[in-house]
Amino acid sequence: MLLEGLKIGFALTGSFCTFDKIFPEVEKLVAEGAEVYPIISESVNKFDTRFGRADDFKTRLKGITGKNIISTIVEAEPIGPKSLLDIVVVAPCTGNTIAKIVNAVTDTPVTMACKAHMRNNKPIVLSVSTNDGLGANAKNIGALLNMKNVYMVPFGQDNAISKPNSLVAKNELILPTILEALKGKQIQPLLV
């Protein structure tokens, strides 16, 4: 098992359209022996969308991981002081969350988990999913690429004709990205 004994914080933010590709990746991490601690944003905690109901997403996540979901800033804060995790993954990572992480805004359970974890010089992995990755958020993604202990799941344009600024990570590369990040390396190629 590739991840035996590893404690992974897995944070979901509100790019609901990618959830059908995210949940199988969480299952892979558990199958590889990781203890996965689920973390969700307020949007994931509360919003029912055309992609599914919040309660169904939470039930599925808890069922896969066997862990209680971290859904408040107060619950996420001890991640740092207690050094609870080996790595934090944010997948999907929305443009809103990207902007908050790079600008040290800590006003959600996910951004608190990232900030708390990063204080211990441990890696975080971001799986981008944003309609403005080549627009307003391009500068934020660029800044993240230069931040210590921040690693990106390889990403590319998901629909260059209809949504030329939109970027989505290749979520099937979350596990390989984690393995490289744990060695202090960015998986390559980054742009796919």
N, C-alpha and C. Protein backbone atom coordinates (compact mmCIF):
# COMPACT_ATOMS: atom_id res chain seq x y z
N MET A 1 0.83 -1.18 0.00
CA MET A 1 0.00 0.00 0.00
C MET A 1 0.88 1.24 0.00
N LEU A 2 0.59 2.12 -0.93
CA LEU A 2 1.43 3.30 -1.13
C LEU A 2 1.34 4.33 -0.01
N LEU A 3 0.20 4.38 0.68
CA LEU A 3 -0.02 5.44 1.66
C LEU A 3 -0.24 4.92 3.07
N GLU A 4 0.22 3.74 3.35
CA GLU A 4 0.02 3.11 4.66
C GLU A 4 0.47 4.02 5.79
N GLY A 5 -0.44 4.29 6.72
CA GLY A 5 -0.13 5.09 7.90
C GLY A 5 -0.13 6.59 7.68
N LEU A 6 -0.36 7.04 6.46
CA LEU A 6 -0.35 8.46 6.17
C LEU A 6 -1.69 9.09 6.56
N LYS A 7 -1.63 10.27 7.17
CA LYS A 7 -2.83 11.01 7.56
C LYS A 7 -3.02 12.17 6.58
N ILE A 8 -4.11 12.07 5.80
CA ILE A 8 -4.37 13.05 4.75
C ILE A 8 -5.64 13.83 5.08
N GLY A 9 -5.53 15.14 5.12
CA GLY A 9 -6.71 15.99 5.17
C GLY A 9 -7.19 16.19 3.75
N PHE A 10 -8.44 15.85 3.48
CA PHE A 10 -8.97 16.00 2.12
C PHE A 10 -10.11 16.99 2.16
N ALA A 11 -9.88 18.17 1.57
CA ALA A 11 -10.83 19.27 1.64
C ALA A 11 -11.55 19.45 0.32
N LEU A 12 -12.87 19.56 0.39
CA LEU A 12 -13.69 19.81 -0.78
C LEU A 12 -14.25 21.23 -0.72
N THR A 13 -14.15 21.94 -1.85
CA THR A 13 -14.79 23.25 -1.97
C THR A 13 -15.83 23.18 -3.08
N GLY A 14 -16.53 24.29 -3.30
CA GLY A 14 -17.78 24.27 -4.05
C GLY A 14 -17.77 24.16 -5.56
N SER A 15 -16.85 23.47 -6.15
CA SER A 15 -16.95 23.18 -7.58
C SER A 15 -17.71 21.85 -7.73
N PHE A 16 -19.00 21.93 -7.49
CA PHE A 16 -19.85 20.74 -7.39
C PHE A 16 -19.82 19.88 -8.66
N CYS A 17 -19.61 20.50 -9.81
CA CYS A 17 -19.62 19.77 -11.07
C CYS A 17 -18.47 18.76 -11.17
N THR A 18 -17.46 18.88 -10.32
CA THR A 18 -16.33 17.94 -10.37
C THR A 18 -16.42 16.83 -9.33
N PHE A 19 -17.43 16.87 -8.48
CA PHE A 19 -17.49 15.90 -7.38
C PHE A 19 -17.52 14.45 -7.87
N ASP A 20 -18.16 14.19 -9.00
CA ASP A 20 -18.23 12.81 -9.49
C ASP A 20 -16.84 12.27 -9.84
N LYS A 21 -15.88 13.16 -10.06
CA LYS A 21 -14.50 12.74 -10.32
C LYS A 21 -13.64 12.77 -9.07
N ILE A 22 -14.10 13.46 -8.04
CA ILE A 22 -13.34 13.60 -6.80
C ILE A 22 -13.54 12.40 -5.87
N PHE A 23 -14.78 11.97 -5.68
CA PHE A 23 -15.04 10.89 -4.74
C PHE A 23 -14.26 9.61 -5.05
N PRO A 24 -14.13 9.18 -6.32
CA PRO A 24 -13.30 8.00 -6.59
C PRO A 24 -11.84 8.18 -6.19
N GLU A 25 -11.35 9.42 -6.23
CA GLU A 25 -9.97 9.68 -5.82
C GLU A 25 -9.82 9.55 -4.31
N VAL A 26 -10.83 9.97 -3.56
CA VAL A 26 -10.80 9.77 -2.10
C VAL A 26 -10.79 8.27 -1.81
N GLU A 27 -11.61 7.52 -2.53
CA GLU A 27 -11.64 6.06 -2.36
C GLU A 27 -10.28 5.43 -2.64
N LYS A 28 -9.57 5.92 -3.65
CA LYS A 28 -8.22 5.41 -3.96
C LYS A 28 -7.26 5.63 -2.79
N LEU A 29 -7.33 6.82 -2.19
CA LEU A 29 -6.43 7.11 -1.07
C LEU A 29 -6.68 6.17 0.10
N VAL A 30 -7.94 5.93 0.39
CA VAL A 30 -8.29 5.01 1.48
C VAL A 30 -7.83 3.60 1.12
N ALA A 31 -8.05 3.18 -0.12
CA ALA A 31 -7.64 1.84 -0.57
C ALA A 31 -6.12 1.66 -0.49
N GLU A 32 -5.38 2.75 -0.61
CA GLU A 32 -3.92 2.69 -0.53
C GLU A 32 -3.41 2.80 0.91
N GLY A 33 -4.33 2.77 1.89
CA GLY A 33 -3.92 2.70 3.29
C GLY A 33 -3.92 4.01 4.05
N ALA A 34 -4.30 5.11 3.42
CA ALA A 34 -4.29 6.40 4.10
C ALA A 34 -5.48 6.53 5.05
N GLU A 35 -5.24 7.24 6.13
CA GLU A 35 -6.34 7.72 6.98
C GLU A 35 -6.73 9.07 6.40
N VAL A 36 -7.95 9.18 5.90
CA VAL A 36 -8.38 10.40 5.25
C VAL A 36 -9.36 11.14 6.16
N TYR A 37 -9.03 12.39 6.46
CA TYR A 37 -9.84 13.24 7.31
C TYR A 37 -10.57 14.25 6.42
N PRO A 38 -11.88 14.12 6.28
CA PRO A 38 -12.61 15.01 5.37
C PRO A 38 -12.83 16.40 5.96
N ILE A 39 -12.65 17.39 5.09
CA ILE A 39 -12.85 18.80 5.45
C ILE A 39 -13.71 19.39 4.34
N ILE A 40 -14.72 20.18 4.71
CA ILE A 40 -15.58 20.77 3.68
C ILE A 40 -15.78 22.26 3.93
N SER A 41 -15.99 22.97 2.83
CA SER A 41 -16.30 24.40 2.92
C SER A 41 -17.76 24.58 3.33
N GLU A 42 -18.10 25.81 3.68
CA GLU A 42 -19.49 26.11 4.03
C GLU A 42 -20.43 25.82 2.87
N SER A 43 -20.00 26.09 1.65
CA SER A 43 -20.83 25.82 0.48
C SER A 43 -21.15 24.34 0.36
N VAL A 44 -20.15 23.51 0.52
CA VAL A 44 -20.35 22.06 0.44
C VAL A 44 -21.23 21.60 1.59
N ASN A 45 -21.08 22.21 2.74
CA ASN A 45 -21.85 21.85 3.92
C ASN A 45 -23.34 22.19 3.77
N LYS A 46 -23.66 23.26 3.05
CA LYS A 46 -25.03 23.78 3.07
C LYS A 46 -25.79 23.73 1.76
N PHE A 47 -25.11 23.79 0.63
CA PHE A 47 -25.82 24.01 -0.63
C PHE A 47 -26.24 22.72 -1.32
N ASP A 48 -27.54 22.66 -1.65
CA ASP A 48 -28.06 21.65 -2.57
C ASP A 48 -28.01 22.27 -3.96
N THR A 49 -27.43 21.55 -4.93
CA THR A 49 -27.30 22.09 -6.28
C THR A 49 -27.84 21.07 -7.28
N ARG A 50 -27.80 21.42 -8.54
CA ARG A 50 -28.24 20.48 -9.57
C ARG A 50 -27.32 19.26 -9.66
N PHE A 51 -26.17 19.33 -9.00
CA PHE A 51 -25.24 18.21 -9.00
C PHE A 51 -25.43 17.27 -7.81
N GLY A 52 -26.27 17.66 -6.86
CA GLY A 52 -26.55 16.80 -5.72
C GLY A 52 -26.87 17.58 -4.47
N ARG A 53 -27.30 16.84 -3.46
CA ARG A 53 -27.67 17.43 -2.17
C ARG A 53 -26.49 17.42 -1.21
N ALA A 54 -26.38 18.46 -0.41
CA ALA A 54 -25.30 18.58 0.56
C ALA A 54 -25.27 17.38 1.50
N ASP A 55 -26.42 16.98 2.01
CA ASP A 55 -26.46 15.85 2.94
C ASP A 55 -25.98 14.56 2.29
N ASP A 56 -26.29 14.36 1.02
CA ASP A 56 -25.83 13.16 0.32
C ASP A 56 -24.32 13.17 0.14
N PHE A 57 -23.76 14.34 -0.20
CA PHE A 57 -22.31 14.44 -0.33
C PHE A 57 -21.63 14.14 1.00
N LYS A 58 -22.15 14.69 2.07
CA LYS A 58 -21.55 14.48 3.39
C LYS A 58 -21.66 13.02 3.82
N THR A 59 -22.80 12.40 3.57
CA THR A 59 -22.97 10.98 3.92
C THR A 59 -21.97 10.12 3.14
N ARG A 60 -21.81 10.42 1.87
CA ARG A 60 -20.88 9.65 1.04
C ARG A 60 -19.44 9.83 1.51
N LEU A 61 -19.06 11.06 1.82
CA LEU A 61 -17.70 11.34 2.26
C LEU A 61 -17.40 10.65 3.59
N LYS A 62 -18.33 10.72 4.51
CA LYS A 62 -18.14 10.06 5.80
C LYS A 62 -18.09 8.54 5.62
N GLY A 63 -18.91 8.01 4.71
CA GLY A 63 -18.90 6.58 4.45
C GLY A 63 -17.58 6.09 3.87
N ILE A 64 -17.00 6.86 2.98
CA ILE A 64 -15.72 6.49 2.37
C ILE A 64 -14.59 6.54 3.38
N THR A 65 -14.55 7.60 4.17
CA THR A 65 -13.41 7.83 5.06
C THR A 65 -13.56 7.21 6.44
N GLY A 66 -14.81 7.02 6.87
CA GLY A 66 -15.05 6.52 8.23
C GLY A 66 -14.74 7.55 9.29
N LYS A 67 -14.60 8.81 8.90
CA LYS A 67 -14.24 9.88 9.84
C LYS A 67 -15.33 10.94 9.87
N ASN A 68 -15.44 11.61 11.01
CA ASN A 68 -16.33 12.76 11.09
C ASN A 68 -15.79 13.88 10.22
N ILE A 69 -16.69 14.65 9.65
CA ILE A 69 -16.32 15.72 8.73
C ILE A 69 -15.98 16.99 9.50
N ILE A 70 -14.87 17.60 9.15
CA ILE A 70 -14.49 18.90 9.68
C ILE A 70 -15.21 19.95 8.84
N SER A 71 -16.14 20.68 9.48
CA SER A 71 -16.98 21.61 8.71
C SER A 71 -17.05 23.01 9.30
N THR A 72 -16.21 23.28 10.30
CA THR A 72 -16.17 24.62 10.88
C THR A 72 -14.71 25.06 11.05
N ILE A 73 -14.53 26.36 11.15
CA ILE A 73 -13.20 26.90 11.39
C ILE A 73 -12.65 26.40 12.72
N VAL A 74 -13.49 26.34 13.73
CA VAL A 74 -13.08 25.87 15.06
C VAL A 74 -12.58 24.43 15.00
N GLU A 75 -13.25 23.59 14.23
CA GLU A 75 -12.82 22.18 14.10
C GLU A 75 -11.52 22.06 13.32
N ALA A 76 -11.27 22.97 12.37
CA ALA A 76 -10.07 22.90 11.53
C ALA A 76 -8.83 23.47 12.22
N GLU A 77 -9.01 24.39 13.14
CA GLU A 77 -7.88 25.09 13.76
C GLU A 77 -6.84 24.18 14.43
N PRO A 78 -7.24 23.10 15.14
CA PRO A 78 -6.23 22.26 15.81
C PRO A 78 -5.29 21.50 14.86
N ILE A 79 -5.61 21.47 13.57
CA ILE A 79 -4.77 20.76 12.61
C ILE A 79 -3.32 21.22 12.72
N GLY A 80 -3.11 22.52 12.90
CA GLY A 80 -1.74 23.05 13.00
C GLY A 80 -1.09 22.80 14.34
N PRO A 81 -1.66 23.32 15.42
CA PRO A 81 -1.01 23.19 16.72
C PRO A 81 -0.78 21.73 17.15
N LYS A 82 -1.69 20.85 16.76
CA LYS A 82 -1.55 19.44 17.13
C LYS A 82 -0.83 18.62 16.07
N SER A 83 -0.46 19.27 14.96
CA SER A 83 0.22 18.60 13.84
C SER A 83 -0.47 17.27 13.48
N LEU A 84 -1.76 17.39 13.20
CA LEU A 84 -2.61 16.20 13.03
C LEU A 84 -2.42 15.47 11.71
N LEU A 85 -1.95 16.16 10.67
CA LEU A 85 -1.93 15.58 9.33
C LEU A 85 -0.54 15.59 8.72
N ASP A 86 -0.33 14.69 7.77
CA ASP A 86 0.92 14.66 7.03
C ASP A 86 0.86 15.54 5.78
N ILE A 87 -0.33 15.64 5.20
CA ILE A 87 -0.54 16.41 3.97
C ILE A 87 -2.00 16.80 3.90
N VAL A 88 -2.27 17.94 3.28
CA VAL A 88 -3.64 18.39 3.03
C VAL A 88 -3.84 18.50 1.53
N VAL A 89 -4.95 17.96 1.06
CA VAL A 89 -5.33 18.04 -0.35
C VAL A 89 -6.61 18.87 -0.43
N VAL A 90 -6.66 19.83 -1.34
CA VAL A 90 -7.88 20.58 -1.59
C VAL A 90 -8.32 20.23 -3.00
N ALA A 91 -9.42 19.48 -3.09
CA ALA A 91 -9.90 19.02 -4.39
C ALA A 91 -11.41 18.85 -4.33
N PRO A 92 -12.13 19.57 -5.12
CA PRO A 92 -11.67 20.60 -6.03
C PRO A 92 -11.30 21.87 -5.26
N CYS A 93 -10.38 22.63 -5.84
CA CYS A 93 -9.97 23.90 -5.25
C CYS A 93 -10.46 25.02 -6.15
N THR A 94 -11.48 25.72 -5.70
CA THR A 94 -12.09 26.78 -6.50
C THR A 94 -11.19 28.00 -6.58
N GLY A 95 -11.51 28.87 -7.53
CA GLY A 95 -10.79 30.14 -7.64
C GLY A 95 -10.90 30.97 -6.39
N ASN A 96 -12.04 30.93 -5.75
CA ASN A 96 -12.25 31.65 -4.50
C ASN A 96 -11.27 31.16 -3.43
N THR A 97 -11.14 29.85 -3.31
CA THR A 97 -10.23 29.27 -2.31
C THR A 97 -8.78 29.55 -2.67
N ILE A 98 -8.45 29.46 -3.96
CA ILE A 98 -7.10 29.79 -4.41
C ILE A 98 -6.74 31.21 -3.97
N ALA A 99 -7.63 32.16 -4.24
CA ALA A 99 -7.38 33.56 -3.90
C ALA A 99 -7.20 33.74 -2.40
N LYS A 100 -7.99 33.02 -1.63
CA LYS A 100 -7.90 33.14 -0.17
C LYS A 100 -6.59 32.54 0.35
N ILE A 101 -6.20 31.38 -0.15
CA ILE A 101 -4.96 30.74 0.32
C ILE A 101 -3.76 31.63 0.02
N VAL A 102 -3.66 32.12 -1.20
CA VAL A 102 -2.48 32.90 -1.59
C VAL A 102 -2.43 34.24 -0.86
N ASN A 103 -3.58 34.76 -0.44
CA ASN A 103 -3.63 36.04 0.26
C ASN A 103 -3.82 35.90 1.77
N ALA A 104 -3.65 34.68 2.28
CA ALA A 104 -3.70 34.41 3.72
C ALA A 104 -5.04 34.79 4.36
N VAL A 105 -6.12 34.61 3.62
CA VAL A 105 -7.46 34.85 4.16
C VAL A 105 -7.94 33.54 4.77
N THR A 106 -8.24 33.58 6.05
CA THR A 106 -8.59 32.37 6.78
C THR A 106 -10.00 32.50 7.33
N ASP A 107 -10.99 32.36 6.45
CA ASP A 107 -12.37 32.56 6.87
C ASP A 107 -13.28 31.40 6.51
N THR A 108 -12.70 30.24 6.20
CA THR A 108 -13.48 29.04 5.95
C THR A 108 -12.78 27.85 6.62
N PRO A 109 -13.47 26.74 6.81
CA PRO A 109 -12.80 25.56 7.36
C PRO A 109 -11.63 25.09 6.48
N VAL A 110 -11.79 25.21 5.16
CA VAL A 110 -10.73 24.76 4.25
C VAL A 110 -9.50 25.66 4.33
N THR A 111 -9.71 26.97 4.31
CA THR A 111 -8.54 27.85 4.39
C THR A 111 -7.89 27.79 5.76
N MET A 112 -8.67 27.58 6.80
CA MET A 112 -8.08 27.39 8.13
C MET A 112 -7.25 26.11 8.16
N ALA A 113 -7.76 25.04 7.58
CA ALA A 113 -7.01 23.78 7.55
C ALA A 113 -5.68 23.97 6.82
N CYS A 114 -5.72 24.68 5.69
CA CYS A 114 -4.49 24.91 4.93
C CYS A 114 -3.50 25.76 5.73
N LYS A 115 -3.97 26.86 6.28
CA LYS A 115 -3.10 27.75 7.06
C LYS A 115 -2.51 27.01 8.27
N ALA A 116 -3.38 26.30 8.99
CA ALA A 116 -2.94 25.59 10.18
C ALA A 116 -1.89 24.54 9.83
N HIS A 117 -2.10 23.84 8.72
CA HIS A 117 -1.18 22.79 8.29
C HIS A 117 0.14 23.38 7.79
N MET A 118 0.06 24.46 7.01
CA MET A 118 1.26 25.05 6.43
C MET A 118 2.20 25.63 7.49
N ARG A 119 1.67 25.98 8.64
CA ARG A 119 2.54 26.53 9.69
C ARG A 119 3.57 25.51 10.14
N ASN A 120 3.30 24.23 9.88
CA ASN A 120 4.21 23.16 10.26
C ASN A 120 5.17 22.76 9.13
N ASN A 121 5.22 23.59 8.07
CA ASN A 121 6.09 23.31 6.91
C ASN A 121 5.80 21.96 6.29
N LYS A 122 4.52 21.62 6.22
CA LYS A 122 4.09 20.38 5.59
C LYS A 122 3.36 20.70 4.29
N PRO A 123 3.33 19.76 3.36
CA PRO A 123 2.80 20.05 2.02
C PRO A 123 1.27 20.11 1.95
N ILE A 124 0.82 20.99 1.04
CA ILE A 124 -0.58 20.97 0.62
C ILE A 124 -0.60 20.76 -0.89
N VAL A 125 -1.63 20.07 -1.34
CA VAL A 125 -1.83 19.78 -2.76
C VAL A 125 -3.14 20.42 -3.18
N LEU A 126 -3.11 21.20 -4.26
CA LEU A 126 -4.30 21.89 -4.74
C LEU A 126 -4.68 21.33 -6.11
N SER A 127 -5.95 21.01 -6.25
CA SER A 127 -6.50 20.50 -7.51
C SER A 127 -7.47 21.54 -8.05
N VAL A 128 -6.95 22.42 -8.89
CA VAL A 128 -7.67 23.59 -9.34
C VAL A 128 -8.93 23.24 -10.15
N SER A 129 -9.98 24.02 -9.91
CA SER A 129 -11.21 23.94 -10.70
C SER A 129 -11.86 25.32 -10.66
N THR A 130 -11.56 26.12 -11.69
CA THR A 130 -12.05 27.50 -11.68
C THR A 130 -12.29 28.01 -13.10
N ASN A 131 -13.34 28.77 -13.25
CA ASN A 131 -13.66 29.37 -14.55
C ASN A 131 -12.80 30.58 -14.87
N ASP A 132 -12.00 31.06 -13.91
CA ASP A 132 -11.18 32.24 -14.18
C ASP A 132 -9.69 31.99 -13.95
N GLY A 133 -9.26 30.76 -14.15
CA GLY A 133 -7.86 30.41 -13.93
C GLY A 133 -6.89 31.12 -14.87
N LEU A 134 -7.35 31.45 -16.07
CA LEU A 134 -6.52 32.20 -17.01
C LEU A 134 -7.00 33.65 -17.12
N GLY A 135 -7.83 34.04 -16.16
CA GLY A 135 -8.33 35.41 -16.08
C GLY A 135 -7.88 36.03 -14.77
N ALA A 136 -8.85 36.44 -13.97
CA ALA A 136 -8.54 37.13 -12.72
C ALA A 136 -7.71 36.29 -11.76
N ASN A 137 -7.84 34.98 -11.80
CA ASN A 137 -7.10 34.13 -10.86
C ASN A 137 -5.73 33.68 -11.38
N ALA A 138 -5.37 34.05 -12.58
CA ALA A 138 -4.07 33.64 -13.12
C ALA A 138 -2.92 34.10 -12.22
N LYS A 139 -3.00 35.33 -11.74
CA LYS A 139 -1.92 35.85 -10.88
C LYS A 139 -1.85 35.07 -9.57
N ASN A 140 -3.00 34.64 -9.05
CA ASN A 140 -3.00 33.87 -7.81
C ASN A 140 -2.40 32.49 -8.00
N ILE A 141 -2.74 31.85 -9.11
CA ILE A 141 -2.15 30.53 -9.40
C ILE A 141 -0.64 30.67 -9.57
N GLY A 142 -0.22 31.72 -10.26
CA GLY A 142 1.22 31.97 -10.41
C GLY A 142 1.91 32.15 -9.08
N ALA A 143 1.29 32.88 -8.18
CA ALA A 143 1.88 33.09 -6.85
C ALA A 143 1.94 31.78 -6.07
N LEU A 144 0.90 30.96 -6.17
CA LEU A 144 0.91 29.67 -5.48
C LEU A 144 2.03 28.76 -5.97
N LEU A 145 2.31 28.83 -7.27
CA LEU A 145 3.37 28.00 -7.83
C LEU A 145 4.74 28.34 -7.25
N ASN A 146 4.85 29.52 -6.67
CA ASN A 146 6.11 29.95 -6.06
C ASN A 146 6.11 29.84 -4.55
N MET A 147 5.04 29.35 -3.96
CA MET A 147 4.97 29.22 -2.51
C MET A 147 5.59 27.91 -2.04
N LYS A 148 6.29 27.99 -0.95
CA LYS A 148 6.91 26.82 -0.34
C LYS A 148 5.82 25.85 0.13
N ASN A 149 6.02 24.58 -0.12
CA ASN A 149 5.16 23.49 0.34
C ASN A 149 3.78 23.46 -0.31
N VAL A 150 3.60 24.17 -1.42
CA VAL A 150 2.34 24.12 -2.17
C VAL A 150 2.61 23.42 -3.49
N TYR A 151 1.80 22.40 -3.76
CA TYR A 151 1.96 21.59 -4.97
C TYR A 151 0.63 21.53 -5.70
N MET A 152 0.69 21.51 -7.02
CA MET A 152 -0.53 21.53 -7.83
C MET A 152 -0.69 20.20 -8.56
N VAL A 153 -1.93 19.72 -8.59
CA VAL A 153 -2.28 18.60 -9.46
C VAL A 153 -2.23 19.15 -10.88
N PRO A 154 -1.62 18.43 -11.83
CA PRO A 154 -1.55 18.93 -13.20
C PRO A 154 -2.93 19.37 -13.72
N PHE A 155 -2.93 20.48 -14.46
CA PHE A 155 -4.19 21.06 -14.91
C PHE A 155 -4.07 21.59 -16.32
N GLY A 156 -5.23 21.87 -16.91
CA GLY A 156 -5.28 22.46 -18.24
C GLY A 156 -6.65 23.05 -18.49
N GLN A 157 -6.82 23.60 -19.68
CA GLN A 157 -8.11 24.16 -20.05
C GLN A 157 -9.10 23.02 -20.25
N ASP A 158 -10.31 23.19 -19.72
CA ASP A 158 -11.30 22.13 -19.87
C ASP A 158 -12.21 22.36 -21.07
N ASN A 159 -12.30 23.60 -21.54
CA ASN A 159 -13.10 23.90 -22.73
C ASN A 159 -12.60 25.22 -23.30
N ALA A 160 -11.55 25.15 -24.10
CA ALA A 160 -10.86 26.35 -24.58
C ALA A 160 -11.74 27.21 -25.49
N ILE A 161 -12.73 26.63 -26.14
CA ILE A 161 -13.58 27.39 -27.05
C ILE A 161 -14.68 28.14 -26.29
N SER A 162 -15.45 27.42 -25.49
CA SER A 162 -16.58 28.04 -24.79
C SER A 162 -16.19 28.76 -23.51
N LYS A 163 -15.12 28.28 -22.85
CA LYS A 163 -14.69 28.86 -21.57
C LYS A 163 -13.17 29.00 -21.59
N PRO A 164 -12.66 29.95 -22.36
CA PRO A 164 -11.20 30.03 -22.56
C PRO A 164 -10.39 30.33 -21.31
N ASN A 165 -10.98 30.85 -20.24
CA ASN A 165 -10.24 31.13 -19.01
C ASN A 165 -10.34 30.01 -17.99
N SER A 166 -11.12 28.98 -18.27
CA SER A 166 -11.40 27.92 -17.30
C SER A 166 -10.28 26.89 -17.24
N LEU A 167 -9.91 26.53 -16.01
CA LEU A 167 -8.90 25.50 -15.77
C LEU A 167 -9.47 24.43 -14.86
N VAL A 168 -9.13 23.17 -15.17
CA VAL A 168 -9.52 22.04 -14.32
C VAL A 168 -8.34 21.08 -14.22
N ALA A 169 -8.10 20.62 -13.01
CA ALA A 169 -7.02 19.65 -12.78
C ALA A 169 -7.41 18.27 -13.29
N LYS A 170 -6.42 17.48 -13.57
CA LYS A 170 -6.60 16.08 -13.93
C LYS A 170 -6.65 15.31 -12.61
N ASN A 171 -7.85 15.18 -12.07
CA ASN A 171 -8.01 14.63 -10.72
C ASN A 171 -7.49 13.21 -10.57
N GLU A 172 -7.41 12.47 -11.66
CA GLU A 172 -6.85 11.13 -11.59
C GLU A 172 -5.36 11.15 -11.23
N LEU A 173 -4.78 12.35 -11.21
CA LEU A 173 -3.36 12.49 -10.84
C LEU A 173 -3.18 12.98 -9.39
N ILE A 174 -4.25 12.98 -8.62
CA ILE A 174 -4.12 13.40 -7.21
C ILE A 174 -3.15 12.49 -6.46
N LEU A 175 -3.31 11.19 -6.56
CA LEU A 175 -2.41 10.27 -5.84
C LEU A 175 -0.96 10.44 -6.26
N PRO A 176 -0.63 10.44 -7.56
CA PRO A 176 0.77 10.67 -7.93
C PRO A 176 1.30 12.04 -7.48
N THR A 177 0.43 13.05 -7.47
CA THR A 177 0.87 14.37 -7.00
C THR A 177 1.20 14.33 -5.52
N ILE A 178 0.38 13.63 -4.75
CA ILE A 178 0.66 13.46 -3.31
C ILE A 178 2.01 12.79 -3.10
N LEU A 179 2.26 11.73 -3.83
CA LEU A 179 3.52 10.99 -3.66
C LEU A 179 4.73 11.88 -3.95
N GLU A 180 4.64 12.70 -4.98
CA GLU A 180 5.75 13.62 -5.29
C GLU A 180 5.85 14.73 -4.24
N ALA A 181 4.71 15.27 -3.83
CA ALA A 181 4.72 16.36 -2.83
C ALA A 181 5.35 15.90 -1.53
N LEU A 182 5.11 14.66 -1.15
CA LEU A 182 5.70 14.13 0.08
C LEU A 182 7.22 14.05 -0.02
N LYS A 183 7.75 14.06 -1.24
CA LYS A 183 9.19 14.09 -1.47
C LYS A 183 9.69 15.51 -1.72
N GLY A 184 8.78 16.48 -1.63
CA GLY A 184 9.16 17.87 -1.85
C GLY A 184 9.27 18.24 -3.31
N LYS A 185 8.59 17.50 -4.19
CA LYS A 185 8.69 17.73 -5.63
C LYS A 185 7.32 18.00 -6.25
N GLN A 186 7.30 18.87 -7.24
CA GLN A 186 6.10 19.13 -8.02
C GLN A 186 6.04 18.10 -9.14
N ILE A 187 4.94 17.38 -9.25
CA ILE A 187 4.78 16.41 -10.33
C ILE A 187 4.84 17.16 -11.67
N GLN A 188 5.41 16.52 -12.65
CA GLN A 188 5.54 17.11 -13.99
C GLN A 188 5.01 16.12 -15.03
N PRO A 189 4.52 16.60 -16.16
CA PRO A 189 4.33 18.00 -16.46
C PRO A 189 3.17 18.59 -15.68
N LEU A 190 3.24 19.86 -15.37
CA LEU A 190 2.20 20.54 -14.62
C LEU A 190 1.04 20.94 -15.53
N LEU A 191 1.38 21.42 -16.71
CA LEU A 191 0.34 21.85 -17.66
C LEU A 191 0.07 20.72 -18.64
N VAL A 192 -1.19 20.29 -18.66
CA VAL A 192 -1.58 19.16 -19.53
C VAL A 192 -2.74 19.53 -20.42
